[in-house]
């Protein structure tokens, strides 16, 4: 703020003009790299925090999974209408 002596008995104050030109470009130069950096960090955290453990869990499950054993268990339980249990 700049204070100037004016005419009369009091002092007048004149405010500096606000910077209106290039305001968006100035703010984007500051905020855009931050946004890209945070999104990159979030993507890496999601990949190694969610997808990699999920892929490992699926791989471990299917490493010991026996589809025929599961089918025979469901067949004996009477889940399927087209296949009779072996006891019948």
Protein backbone atom coordinates (compact mmCIF):
# COMPACT_ATOMS: atom_id res chain seq x y z
CA UNK A 1 0.00 0.00 0.00
CA UNK A 2 1.23 3.44 -0.79
CA UNK A 3 0.22 6.43 1.25
CA UNK A 4 0.18 9.80 -0.47
CA UNK A 5 -0.56 13.26 0.74
CA UNK A 6 -3.67 14.51 -0.87
CA UNK A 7 -5.38 17.83 -1.11
CA UNK A 8 -7.07 18.99 1.97
CA UNK A 9 -6.57 18.03 5.52
CA UNK A 10 -6.35 14.19 5.32
CA UNK A 11 -4.19 11.57 3.74
CA UNK A 12 -5.41 9.36 0.90
CA UNK A 13 -4.35 5.80 0.27
CA UNK A 14 -3.95 4.29 -3.16
CA UNK A 15 -3.83 0.53 -3.55
CA UNK A 16 -1.61 -1.19 -6.06
CA UNK A 17 -3.44 -2.79 -8.92
CA UNK A 18 -3.97 -6.55 -8.66
CA UNK A 19 -2.11 -8.73 -11.15
CA UNK A 20 -4.88 -9.95 -13.43
CA UNK A 21 -2.88 -10.81 -16.53
CA UNK A 22 -1.24 -14.21 -16.53
CA UNK A 23 -2.78 -15.19 -13.21
CA UNK A 24 -3.90 -18.62 -14.46
CA UNK A 25 -0.54 -19.33 -16.10
CA UNK A 26 1.29 -18.31 -12.94
CA UNK A 27 -0.86 -20.55 -10.76
CA UNK A 28 -0.60 -23.46 -13.21
CA UNK A 29 3.19 -23.21 -13.27
CA UNK A 30 3.09 -23.69 -9.51
CA UNK A 31 0.29 -26.24 -9.10
CA UNK A 32 0.68 -28.45 -12.18
CA UNK A 33 4.02 -30.04 -11.21
CA UNK A 34 2.67 -30.66 -7.72
CA UNK A 35 -0.44 -32.34 -9.15
CA UNK A 36 1.61 -34.53 -11.48
CA UNK A 37 4.00 -35.47 -8.69
CA UNK A 38 1.21 -36.41 -6.29
CA UNK A 39 -0.63 -38.42 -8.95
CA UNK A 40 2.57 -40.29 -9.80
CA UNK A 41 3.14 -41.08 -6.12
CA UNK A 42 -0.48 -42.27 -5.79
CA UNK A 43 -0.17 -44.49 -8.87
CA UNK A 44 3.05 -46.10 -7.63
CA UNK A 45 1.58 -46.59 -4.16
CA UNK A 46 -1.54 -48.23 -5.64
CA UNK A 47 0.54 -50.51 -7.86
CA UNK A 48 2.79 -51.77 -5.07
CA UNK A 49 0.26 -51.50 -2.25
CA UNK A 50 -2.75 -53.09 -3.94
CA UNK A 51 -2.16 -54.74 -7.30
CA UNK A 52 1.12 -56.54 -6.59
CA UNK A 53 -0.15 -58.19 -3.36
CA UNK A 54 -3.37 -59.09 -5.16
CA UNK A 55 -1.48 -60.72 -8.03
CA UNK A 56 0.65 -62.62 -5.52
CA UNK A 57 -2.45 -63.81 -3.64
CA UNK A 58 -4.04 -65.06 -6.87
CA UNK A 59 -0.81 -66.83 -7.89
CA UNK A 60 -0.55 -68.51 -4.47
CA UNK A 61 -4.19 -69.58 -4.61
CA UNK A 62 -3.96 -71.13 -8.06
CA UNK A 63 -0.60 -72.77 -7.27
CA UNK A 64 -2.35 -75.17 -4.86
CA UNK A 65 -5.83 -75.17 -6.42
CA UNK A 66 -7.14 -78.50 -7.68
CA UNK A 67 -10.14 -77.93 -9.94
CA UNK A 68 -11.12 -81.61 -10.10
CA UNK A 69 -11.07 -81.92 -6.31
CA UNK A 70 -13.30 -78.85 -6.07
CA UNK A 71 -15.64 -80.23 -8.75
CA UNK A 72 -15.91 -83.60 -7.00
CA UNK A 73 -16.66 -81.86 -3.70
CA UNK A 74 -19.46 -79.83 -5.28
CA UNK A 75 -20.75 -82.92 -7.10
CA UNK A 76 -20.96 -84.88 -3.84
CA UNK A 77 -22.70 -81.95 -2.16
CA UNK A 78 -25.41 -82.01 -4.86
CA UNK A 79 -24.73 -78.56 -6.26
CA UNK A 80 -25.14 -79.62 -9.90
CA UNK A 81 -28.44 -80.77 -11.36
CA UNK A 82 -26.87 -82.45 -14.38
CA UNK A 83 -24.41 -84.62 -12.42
CA UNK A 84 -25.54 -87.09 -9.81
CA UNK A 85 -23.55 -87.64 -6.63
CA UNK A 86 -21.65 -90.93 -6.63
CA UNK A 87 -23.72 -92.26 -3.71
CA UNK A 88 -26.93 -92.31 -5.79
